Structure formats: structure tokens, C-alpha cells
Amino acid sequence: MFCGLLGAWTSNAWAALQSPAVVRVVELGPGLGTLMQATLRALQRSLPSHVTVDTHLVEASAPLQTTQRQLLQPLLCHNRT
């Protein structure tokens, strides 16, 4: 539910910023990446298809970076991210 609200908020912020072509989503300390995964799915449903979602995860742990990459790769290889 939180990610749906985050997606809705981002969509409203996007509109308030005059609908930019790129939306940057940054998460600090993303752990396993599940919040970003749910957020990206919510954004795919709420933003128009021409909007690019520029995703950045700030993570110091190499093992967690690998886990995040594996989890998010299916969402990141689309032309929207």
C-alpha cells in the first residue's frame, strides 16, 4: 500500500513539475530492493509510457547490490527505466 501511495504522490509531483520527460527515483540504503521494486511497478501504472524513470540505488554492500540487480533487472530493462 505504501508503494502505491508513493507512486501516486510521484505522479502528482510529476504533473506539478510540468510533466518532465525524466523522473529520477533515488533510494538510499535500499536493502534487498523490494521497496524500489514495488515503487517502479506503481510508477509503471501511474506515469505515461513516454516518461523515463531514472533509477538510482545507493548501496555500500556488494552482496546487496547483486541481490538488488537480480530483483530489479526485469523492471530496469524496459524502455521506461
Protein backbone atom coordinates (compact mmCIF):
# COMPACT_ATOMS: atom_id res chain seq x y z
CA MET A 1 0.00 0.00 0.00
CA PHE A 2 2.83 2.41 0.84
CA CYS A 3 4.37 1.97 -2.61
CA GLY A 4 1.03 2.65 -4.27
CA LEU A 5 0.82 5.90 -2.32
CA LEU A 6 4.41 6.69 -3.24
CA GLY A 7 3.62 6.06 -6.90
CA ALA A 8 0.52 8.28 -6.71
CA TRP A 9 2.50 11.04 -4.97
CA THR A 10 5.24 10.81 -7.61
CA SER A 11 2.66 11.01 -10.38
CA ASN A 12 1.14 14.14 -8.80
CA ALA A 13 4.58 15.68 -8.29
CA TRP A 14 5.40 14.87 -11.91
CA ALA A 15 2.29 16.75 -13.07
CA ALA A 16 3.06 19.68 -10.76
CA LEU A 17 6.55 19.93 -12.28
CA GLN A 18 5.02 20.41 -15.76
CA SER A 19 5.34 16.73 -16.76
CA PRO A 20 9.10 16.34 -17.30
CA ALA A 21 10.28 13.59 -19.66
CA VAL A 22 12.53 12.08 -16.95
CA VAL A 23 11.70 11.19 -13.35
CA ARG A 24 14.64 10.40 -11.07
CA VAL A 25 13.97 7.93 -8.24
CA VAL A 26 16.79 7.59 -5.69
CA GLU A 27 16.80 5.24 -2.71
CA LEU A 28 19.47 5.38 -0.02
CA GLY A 29 20.19 2.08 1.73
CA PRO A 30 17.74 0.03 -0.34
CA GLY A 31 18.49 -3.29 1.37
CA LEU A 32 17.07 -6.09 -0.79
CA GLY A 33 15.45 -3.62 -3.21
CA THR A 34 11.84 -4.65 -2.55
CA LEU A 35 10.63 -1.08 -1.90
CA MET A 36 12.15 0.10 -5.19
CA GLN A 37 10.64 -2.90 -6.98
CA ALA A 38 7.14 -2.07 -5.74
CA THR A 39 7.66 1.64 -6.40
CA LEU A 40 8.74 1.02 -10.01
CA ARG A 41 5.70 -1.17 -10.58
CA ALA A 42 3.44 1.57 -9.18
CA LEU A 43 5.12 4.17 -11.41
CA GLN A 44 4.67 1.98 -14.48
CA ARG A 45 0.93 2.02 -13.80
CA SER A 46 0.64 5.73 -12.98
CA LEU A 47 3.01 7.58 -15.35
CA PRO A 48 2.53 7.87 -19.12
CA SER A 49 4.62 5.46 -21.18
CA HIS A 50 6.82 8.22 -22.68
CA VAL A 51 8.26 9.14 -19.27
CA THR A 52 11.71 7.73 -18.48
CA VAL A 53 12.26 6.64 -14.88
CA ASP A 54 15.93 7.18 -13.98
CA THR A 55 16.59 4.81 -11.07
CA HIS A 56 19.49 5.08 -8.61
CA LEU A 57 20.15 2.82 -5.63
CA VAL A 58 22.85 3.92 -3.18
CA GLU A 59 24.17 0.77 -1.51
CA ALA A 60 27.61 0.11 0.04
CA SER A 61 27.25 -3.69 0.33
CA ALA A 62 28.40 -5.61 -2.75
CA PRO A 63 26.25 -8.68 -1.92
CA LEU A 64 23.16 -6.47 -1.57
CA GLN A 65 23.99 -4.72 -4.84
CA THR A 66 23.94 -8.12 -6.53
CA THR A 67 20.61 -9.02 -4.91
CA GLN A 68 19.11 -5.66 -5.96
CA ARG A 69 20.35 -6.06 -9.53
CA GLN A 70 18.79 -9.53 -9.80
CA LEU A 71 15.47 -8.37 -8.32
CA LEU A 72 15.16 -5.18 -10.35
CA GLN A 73 16.63 -6.28 -13.69
CA PRO A 74 13.25 -7.30 -15.18
CA LEU A 75 11.89 -3.81 -14.41
CA LEU A 76 15.03 -1.94 -15.48
CA CYS A 77 15.40 -3.49 -18.92
CA HIS A 78 12.15 -1.91 -20.16
CA ASN A 79 12.47 1.32 -22.12
CA ARG A 80 10.83 3.23 -19.23
CA THR A 81 13.64 2.72 -16.73
